[in-house]
């Protein structure tokens, strides 16, 4: 992945989040504050502004700056969670205008670690972790098997989508949705859904 592809990925993620903002809000209205779509759209609008205004020399810096924009512009839990993930992802990447697949695997682990440290969520808690963890596993296994970025990204996106849909049957154990207890079951988690959108954006921009 080079700087240009990193920027293209984040622009595609911004477009996807913006296009699905109403659906993310609908999902969040059922089990949360009802502001996830609005907050994510605001945050990725800020990310796009940073991409437009900055000349990047390193891949990692693209994600660090994107994460900083999310933390500063997104309200609720989403800003710190996604922002911390992107910042950890970027800080873990080696300096320079291009990084390898093994570097991306390491960075994805760092991003997930940042999310779990901050939010305390584990798989099965009905959070974004339920999409991120399977996406990471799929990506890592694909890379270990010799797959190119496009194939690894496609596998990660499929796994994230499956993970997001799997949250429908879960009872939330973290976040505002956990206040609903058993009533949180039957609804797809909005954070897992937006996480899927981000991984799907990578698959879309790397597809042959």
C-alpha atoms as a PDB file:
ATOM      1  CA  UNK A   1       0.000   0.000   0.000  1.00  0.00           C
ATOM      2  CA  UNK A   2       1.335   3.415  -0.957  1.00  0.00           C
ATOM      3  CA  UNK A   3       0.232   6.889   0.086  1.00  0.00           C
ATOM      4  CA  UNK A   4      -2.099   7.262  -2.888  1.00  0.00           C
ATOM      5  CA  UNK A   5      -3.927   4.025  -2.085  1.00  0.00           C
ATOM      6  CA  UNK A   6      -4.204   4.923   1.600  1.00  0.00           C
ATOM      7  CA  UNK A   7      -5.857   8.208   0.641  1.00  0.00           C
ATOM      8  CA  UNK A   8      -8.115   6.489  -1.882  1.00  0.00           C
ATOM      9  CA  UNK A   9      -9.228   3.992   0.773  1.00  0.00           C
ATOM     10  CA  UNK A  10     -10.142   6.697   3.250  1.00  0.00           C
ATOM     11  CA  UNK A  11     -11.992   8.706   0.611  1.00  0.00           C
ATOM     12  CA  UNK A  12     -13.973   5.607  -0.331  1.00  0.00           C
ATOM     13  CA  UNK A  13     -14.731   4.938   3.335  1.00  0.00           C
ATOM     14  CA  UNK A  14     -15.940   8.519   3.709  1.00  0.00           C
ATOM     15  CA  UNK A  15     -18.209   8.132   0.691  1.00  0.00           C
ATOM     16  CA  UNK A  16     -19.608   4.853   2.017  1.00  0.00           C
ATOM     17  CA  UNK A  17     -20.263   6.200   5.492  1.00  0.00           C
ATOM     18  CA  UNK A  18     -21.919   9.309   4.060  1.00  0.00           C
ATOM     19  CA  UNK A  19     -24.097   7.289   1.707  1.00  0.00           C
ATOM     20  CA  UNK A  20     -25.217   4.970   4.522  1.00  0.00           C
ATOM     21  CA  UNK A  21     -25.454   7.595   7.277  1.00  0.00           C
ATOM     22  CA  UNK A  22     -29.243   7.373   7.473  1.00  0.00           C
ATOM     23  CA  UNK A  23     -29.129   3.587   7.788  1.00  0.00           C
ATOM     24  CA  UNK A  24     -26.456   3.810  10.497  1.00  0.00           C
ATOM     25  CA  UNK A  25     -28.648   6.289  12.353  1.00  0.00           C
ATOM     26  CA  UNK A  26     -31.661   3.999  11.974  1.00  0.00           C
ATOM     27  CA  UNK A  27     -29.708   1.095  13.442  1.00  0.00           C
ATOM     28  CA  UNK A  28     -28.450   3.258  16.309  1.00  0.00           C
ATOM     29  CA  UNK A  29     -31.930   4.607  17.014  1.00  0.00           C
ATOM     30  CA  UNK A  30     -33.050   1.080  17.864  1.00  0.00           C
ATOM     31  CA  UNK A  31     -30.385   0.365  20.486  1.00  0.00           C
ATOM     32  CA  UNK A  32     -28.370   3.540  21.089  1.00  0.00           C
ATOM     33  CA  UNK A  33     -28.455   7.321  20.946  1.00  0.00           C
ATOM     34  CA  UNK A  34     -29.527   7.508  17.312  1.00  0.00           C
ATOM     35  CA  UNK A  35     -26.555   9.642  16.318  1.00  0.00           C
ATOM     36  CA  UNK A  36     -24.033   7.154  14.901  1.00  0.00           C
ATOM     37  CA  UNK A  37     -24.709   8.007  11.269  1.00  0.00           C
ATOM     38  CA  UNK A  38     -24.583  11.737  11.874  1.00  0.00           C
ATOM     39  CA  UNK A  39     -21.396  11.459  13.906  1.00  0.00           C
ATOM     40  CA  UNK A  40     -19.618   9.212  11.409  1.00  0.00           C
ATOM     41  CA  UNK A  41     -20.591  11.452   8.510  1.00  0.00           C
ATOM     42  CA  UNK A  42     -19.276  14.486  10.392  1.00  0.00           C
ATOM     43  CA  UNK A  43     -16.064  12.701  11.261  1.00  0.00           C
ATOM     44  CA  UNK A  44     -15.310  11.455   7.774  1.00  0.00           C
ATOM     45  CA  UNK A  45     -16.129  14.859   6.336  1.00  0.00           C
ATOM     46  CA  UNK A  46     -13.330  16.127   8.574  1.00  0.00           C
ATOM     47  CA  UNK A  47     -11.081  13.290   7.379  1.00  0.00           C
ATOM     48  CA  UNK A  48     -11.726  14.266   3.765  1.00  0.00           C
ATOM     49  CA  UNK A  49     -10.848  17.870   4.550  1.00  0.00           C
ATOM     50  CA  UNK A  50      -7.537  16.745   6.041  1.00  0.00           C
ATOM     51  CA  UNK A  51      -6.811  14.617   2.976  1.00  0.00           C
ATOM     52  CA  UNK A  52      -7.554  17.585   0.730  1.00  0.00           C
ATOM     53  CA  UNK A  53      -5.334  19.971   2.666  1.00  0.00           C
ATOM     54  CA  UNK A  54      -2.288  17.827   3.447  1.00  0.00           C
ATOM     55  CA  UNK A  55       0.648  16.599   1.402  1.00  0.00           C
ATOM     56  CA  UNK A  56       1.637  13.252   2.858  1.00  0.00           C
ATOM     57  CA  UNK A  57       5.035  11.618   2.568  1.00  0.00           C
ATOM     58  CA  UNK A  58       4.285   8.478   4.586  1.00  0.00           C
ATOM     59  CA  UNK A  59       1.441   5.975   4.616  1.00  0.00           C
ATOM     60  CA  UNK A  60       1.300   5.935   8.391  1.00  0.00           C
ATOM     61  CA  UNK A  61       0.841   9.681   8.588  1.00  0.00           C
ATOM     62  CA  UNK A  62      -2.299   9.446   6.453  1.00  0.00           C
ATOM     63  CA  UNK A  63      -3.985   7.273   9.055  1.00  0.00           C
ATOM     64  CA  UNK A  64      -2.624   9.131  12.074  1.00  0.00           C
ATOM     65  CA  UNK A  65      -4.025  12.407  10.769  1.00  0.00           C
ATOM     66  CA  UNK A  66      -7.316  10.772   9.844  1.00  0.00           C
ATOM     67  CA  UNK A  67      -7.586   9.365  13.362  1.00  0.00           C
ATOM     68  CA  UNK A  68      -6.853  12.733  14.899  1.00  0.00           C
ATOM     69  CA  UNK A  69      -9.610  14.305  12.795  1.00  0.00           C
ATOM     70  CA  UNK A  70     -12.103  11.668  13.941  1.00  0.00           C
ATOM     71  CA  UNK A  71     -11.252  12.158  17.596  1.00  0.00           C
ATOM     72  CA  UNK A  72     -11.617  15.926  17.325  1.00  0.00           C
ATOM     73  CA  UNK A  73     -14.858  15.971  15.322  1.00  0.00           C
ATOM     74  CA  UNK A  74     -16.931  12.910  16.264  1.00  0.00           C
ATOM     75  CA  UNK A  75     -19.076  12.910  19.365  1.00  0.00           C
ATOM     76  CA  UNK A  76     -20.028   9.977  21.550  1.00  0.00           C
ATOM     77  CA  UNK A  77     -17.975   6.801  21.675  1.00  0.00           C
ATOM     78  CA  UNK A  78     -17.353   6.558  17.927  1.00  0.00           C
ATOM     79  CA  UNK A  79     -14.783   9.340  17.696  1.00  0.00           C
ATOM     80  CA  UNK A  80     -12.377   8.022  20.308  1.00  0.00           C
ATOM     81  CA  UNK A  81     -12.814   4.407  19.187  1.00  0.00           C
ATOM     82  CA  UNK A  82     -12.355   4.867  15.449  1.00  0.00           C
ATOM     83  CA  UNK A  83      -9.873   7.682  15.901  1.00  0.00           C
ATOM     84  CA  UNK A  84      -7.720   5.654  18.261  1.00  0.00           C
ATOM     85  CA  UNK A  85      -7.862   2.681  15.890  1.00  0.00           C
ATOM     86  CA  UNK A  86      -6.677   4.743  12.931  1.00  0.00           C
ATOM     87  CA  UNK A  87      -3.985   6.471  14.946  1.00  0.00           C
ATOM     88  CA  UNK A  88      -2.644   3.175  16.296  1.00  0.00           C
ATOM     89  CA  UNK A  89      -2.806   1.693  12.800  1.00  0.00           C
ATOM     90  CA  UNK A  90      -0.804   4.570  11.365  1.00  0.00           C
ATOM     91  CA  UNK A  91       1.746   4.777  14.165  1.00  0.00           C
ATOM     92  CA  UNK A  92       2.524   1.072  13.833  1.00  0.00           C
ATOM     93  CA  UNK A  93       3.306   1.280  10.116  1.00  0.00           C
ATOM     94  CA  UNK A  94       6.947   1.789   9.145  1.00  0.00           C
ATOM     95  CA  UNK A  95       7.932   5.244   7.919  1.00  0.00           C
ATOM     96  CA  UNK A  96       7.919   5.794   4.197  1.00  0.00           C
ATOM     97  CA  UNK A  97       5.672   6.115   1.155  1.00  0.00           C
ATOM     98  CA  UNK A  98       4.907   2.396   0.865  1.00  0.00           C
ATOM     99  CA  UNK A  99       4.228  -0.485   3.254  1.00  0.00           C
ATOM    100  CA  UNK A 100       3.870  -4.228   2.783  1.00  0.00           C
ATOM    101  CA  UNK A 101       1.095  -6.676   3.578  1.00  0.00           C
ATOM    102  CA  UNK A 102       2.812  -7.925   6.725  1.00  0.00           C
ATOM    103  CA  UNK A 103       3.006  -4.314   7.910  1.00  0.00           C
ATOM    104  CA  UNK A 104      -0.740  -3.944   7.352  1.00  0.00           C
ATOM    105  CA  UNK A 105      -1.449  -7.075   9.385  1.00  0.00           C
ATOM    106  CA  UNK A 106       0.601  -5.715  12.281  1.00  0.00           C
ATOM    107  CA  UNK A 107      -1.122  -2.334  12.004  1.00  0.00           C
ATOM    108  CA  UNK A 108      -4.585  -3.904  11.958  1.00  0.00           C
ATOM    109  CA  UNK A 109      -3.722  -5.748  15.175  1.00  0.00           C
ATOM    110  CA  UNK A 110      -2.619  -2.448  16.727  1.00  0.00           C
ATOM    111  CA  UNK A 111      -5.886  -0.808  15.701  1.00  0.00           C
ATOM    112  CA  UNK A 112      -7.970  -3.565  17.256  1.00  0.00           C
ATOM    113  CA  UNK A 113      -5.855  -3.485  20.412  1.00  0.00           C
ATOM    114  CA  UNK A 114      -6.503   0.260  20.706  1.00  0.00           C
ATOM    115  CA  UNK A 115     -10.250  -0.298  20.408  1.00  0.00           C
ATOM    116  CA  UNK A 116     -10.350  -3.075  22.994  1.00  0.00           C
ATOM    117  CA  UNK A 117      -8.194  -1.134  25.456  1.00  0.00           C
ATOM    118  CA  UNK A 118     -10.416   1.908  25.181  1.00  0.00           C
ATOM    119  CA  UNK A 119     -13.816   0.255  25.105  1.00  0.00           C
ATOM    120  CA  UNK A 120     -13.114  -3.006  26.890  1.00  0.00           C
ATOM    121  CA  UNK A 121     -15.170  -4.972  24.361  1.00  0.00           C
ATOM    122  CA  UNK A 122     -14.579  -8.578  23.367  1.00  0.00           C
ATOM    123  CA  UNK A 123     -16.063 -10.669  20.560  1.00  0.00           C
ATOM    124  CA  UNK A 124     -19.692 -11.398  21.302  1.00  0.00           C
ATOM    125  CA  UNK A 125     -20.335  -8.118  23.126  1.00  0.00           C
ATOM    126  CA  UNK A 126     -22.269  -6.686  20.128  1.00  0.00           C
ATOM    127  CA  UNK A 127     -19.825  -3.928  19.186  1.00  0.00           C
ATOM    128  CA  UNK A 128     -17.584  -2.988  16.293  1.00  0.00           C
ATOM    129  CA  UNK A 129     -15.155  -5.650  17.544  1.00  0.00           C
ATOM    130  CA  UNK A 130     -17.546  -8.283  16.192  1.00  0.00           C
ATOM    131  CA  UNK A 131     -16.835  -7.035  12.660  1.00  0.00           C
ATOM    132  CA  UNK A 132     -13.204  -5.962  13.151  1.00  0.00           C
ATOM    133  CA  UNK A 133     -11.919  -9.205  14.703  1.00  0.00           C
ATOM    134  CA  UNK A 134     -13.153 -11.566  11.950  1.00  0.00           C
ATOM    135  CA  UNK A 135     -12.008  -9.106   9.289  1.00  0.00           C
ATOM    136  CA  UNK A 136      -8.524  -9.048  10.788  1.00  0.00           C
ATOM    137  CA  UNK A 137      -8.437 -12.842  11.042  1.00  0.00           C
ATOM    138  CA  UNK A 138      -9.484 -13.232   7.418  1.00  0.00           C
ATOM    139  CA  UNK A 139      -6.964 -10.653   6.233  1.00  0.00           C
ATOM    140  CA  UNK A 140      -4.133 -12.206   8.230  1.00  0.00           C
ATOM    141  CA  UNK A 141      -4.910 -15.729   7.054  1.00  0.00           C
ATOM    142  CA  UNK A 142      -5.096 -14.600   3.437  1.00  0.00           C
ATOM    143  CA  UNK A 143      -1.727 -12.853   3.669  1.00  0.00           C
ATOM    144  CA  UNK A 144      -0.187 -15.882   5.355  1.00  0.00           C
ATOM    145  CA  UNK A 145      -1.466 -17.972   2.468  1.00  0.00           C
ATOM    146  CA  UNK A 146       0.240 -15.770  -0.094  1.00  0.00           C
ATOM    147  CA  UNK A 147      -2.743 -13.698  -1.194  1.00  0.00           C
ATOM    148  CA  UNK A 148      -2.326 -10.272  -2.762  1.00  0.00           C
ATOM    149  CA  UNK A 149      -3.885  -7.188  -1.183  1.00  0.00           C
ATOM    150  CA  UNK A 150      -7.058  -7.322  -3.281  1.00  0.00           C
ATOM    151  CA  UNK A 151      -7.822 -10.901  -2.263  1.00  0.00           C
ATOM    152  CA  UNK A 152      -7.003 -10.280   1.386  1.00  0.00           C
ATOM    153  CA  UNK A 153      -9.147  -7.141   1.444  1.00  0.00           C
ATOM    154  CA  UNK A 154     -12.071  -8.928  -0.188  1.00  0.00           C
ATOM    155  CA  UNK A 155     -11.894 -11.698   2.399  1.00  0.00           C
ATOM    156  CA  UNK A 156     -11.722  -9.175   5.219  1.00  0.00           C
ATOM    157  CA  UNK A 157     -14.764  -7.331   3.903  1.00  0.00           C
ATOM    158  CA  UNK A 158     -16.796 -10.530   3.647  1.00  0.00           C
ATOM    159  CA  UNK A 159     -15.816 -11.500   7.181  1.00  0.00           C
ATOM    160  CA  UNK A 160     -16.671  -8.043   8.508  1.00  0.00           C
ATOM    161  CA  UNK A 161     -20.071  -8.191   6.838  1.00  0.00           C
ATOM    162  CA  UNK A 162     -20.755 -11.622   8.286  1.00  0.00           C
ATOM    163  CA  UNK A 163     -19.628 -10.375  11.682  1.00  0.00           C
ATOM    164  CA  UNK A 164     -21.879  -7.337  11.519  1.00  0.00           C
ATOM    165  CA  UNK A 165     -24.900  -9.457  10.611  1.00  0.00           C
ATOM    166  CA  UNK A 166     -24.077 -11.881  13.401  1.00  0.00           C
ATOM    167  CA  UNK A 167     -24.621  -9.093  15.933  1.00  0.00           C
ATOM    168  CA  UNK A 168     -28.357  -9.179  15.206  1.00  0.00           C
ATOM    169  CA  UNK A 169     -28.851 -12.188  17.465  1.00  0.00           C
ATOM    170  CA  UNK A 170     -26.477 -10.966  20.181  1.00  0.00           C
ATOM    171  CA  UNK A 171     -27.381  -9.349  23.471  1.00  0.00           C
ATOM    172  CA  UNK A 172     -25.266  -6.244  23.996  1.00  0.00           C
ATOM    173  CA  UNK A 173     -22.799  -6.331  26.875  1.00  0.00           C
ATOM    174  CA  UNK A 174     -21.019  -3.038  26.225  1.00  0.00           C
ATOM    175  CA  UNK A 175     -22.047   0.510  25.376  1.00  0.00           C
ATOM    176  CA  UNK A 176     -25.451   2.142  25.600  1.00  0.00           C
ATOM    177  CA  UNK A 177     -27.105  -0.843  23.937  1.00  0.00           C
ATOM    178  CA  UNK A 178     -26.200  -2.944  26.991  1.00  0.00           C
ATOM    179  CA  UNK A 179     -28.706  -0.919  29.020  1.00  0.00           C
ATOM    180  CA  UNK A 180     -31.487  -2.597  27.025  1.00  0.00           C
ATOM    181  CA  UNK A 181     -30.475  -6.084  28.120  1.00  0.00           C
ATOM    182  CA  UNK A 182     -32.304  -8.772  26.155  1.00  0.00           C
ATOM    183  CA  UNK A 183     -34.167  -6.122  24.169  1.00  0.00           C
ATOM    184  CA  UNK A 184     -30.936  -5.317  22.319  1.00  0.00           C
ATOM    185  CA  UNK A 185     -31.186  -8.660  20.525  1.00  0.00           C
ATOM    186  CA  UNK A 186     -32.798  -8.556  17.106  1.00  0.00           C
ATOM    187  CA  UNK A 187     -30.953  -5.420  15.987  1.00  0.00           C
ATOM    188  CA  UNK A 188     -27.712  -5.127  14.020  1.00  0.00           C
ATOM    189  CA  UNK A 189     -25.010  -3.182  15.794  1.00  0.00           C
ATOM    190  CA  UNK A 190     -24.332   0.185  14.108  1.00  0.00           C
ATOM    191  CA  UNK A 191     -20.634   0.214  15.009  1.00  0.00           C
ATOM    192  CA  UNK A 192     -20.098  -3.231  13.517  1.00  0.00           C
ATOM    193  CA  UNK A 193     -21.932  -2.016  10.427  1.00  0.00           C
ATOM    194  CA  UNK A 194     -19.762   1.057   9.937  1.00  0.00           C
ATOM    195  CA  UNK A 195     -16.676  -1.100  10.520  1.00  0.00           C
ATOM    196  CA  UNK A 196     -17.848  -3.358   7.702  1.00  0.00           C
ATOM    197  CA  UNK A 197     -18.279  -0.287   5.469  1.00  0.00           C
ATOM    198  CA  UNK A 198     -14.650   0.706   6.099  1.00  0.00           C
ATOM    199  CA  UNK A 199     -13.312  -2.752   5.260  1.00  0.00           C
ATOM    200  CA  UNK A 200     -15.605  -2.966   2.247  1.00  0.00           C
ATOM    201  CA  UNK A 201     -14.200   0.338   1.009  1.00  0.00           C
ATOM    202  CA  UNK A 202     -10.713  -1.188   0.999  1.00  0.00           C
ATOM    203  CA  UNK A 203     -11.990  -4.185  -0.951  1.00  0.00           C
ATOM    204  CA  UNK A 204     -13.688  -1.890  -3.443  1.00  0.00           C
ATOM    205  CA  UNK A 205     -10.632   0.259  -4.166  1.00  0.00           C
ATOM    206  CA  UNK A 206      -8.273  -2.708  -4.496  1.00  0.00           C
ATOM    207  CA  UNK A 207     -10.558  -4.927  -6.578  1.00  0.00           C
ATOM    208  CA  UNK A 208      -9.022  -5.908  -9.932  1.00  0.00           C
END
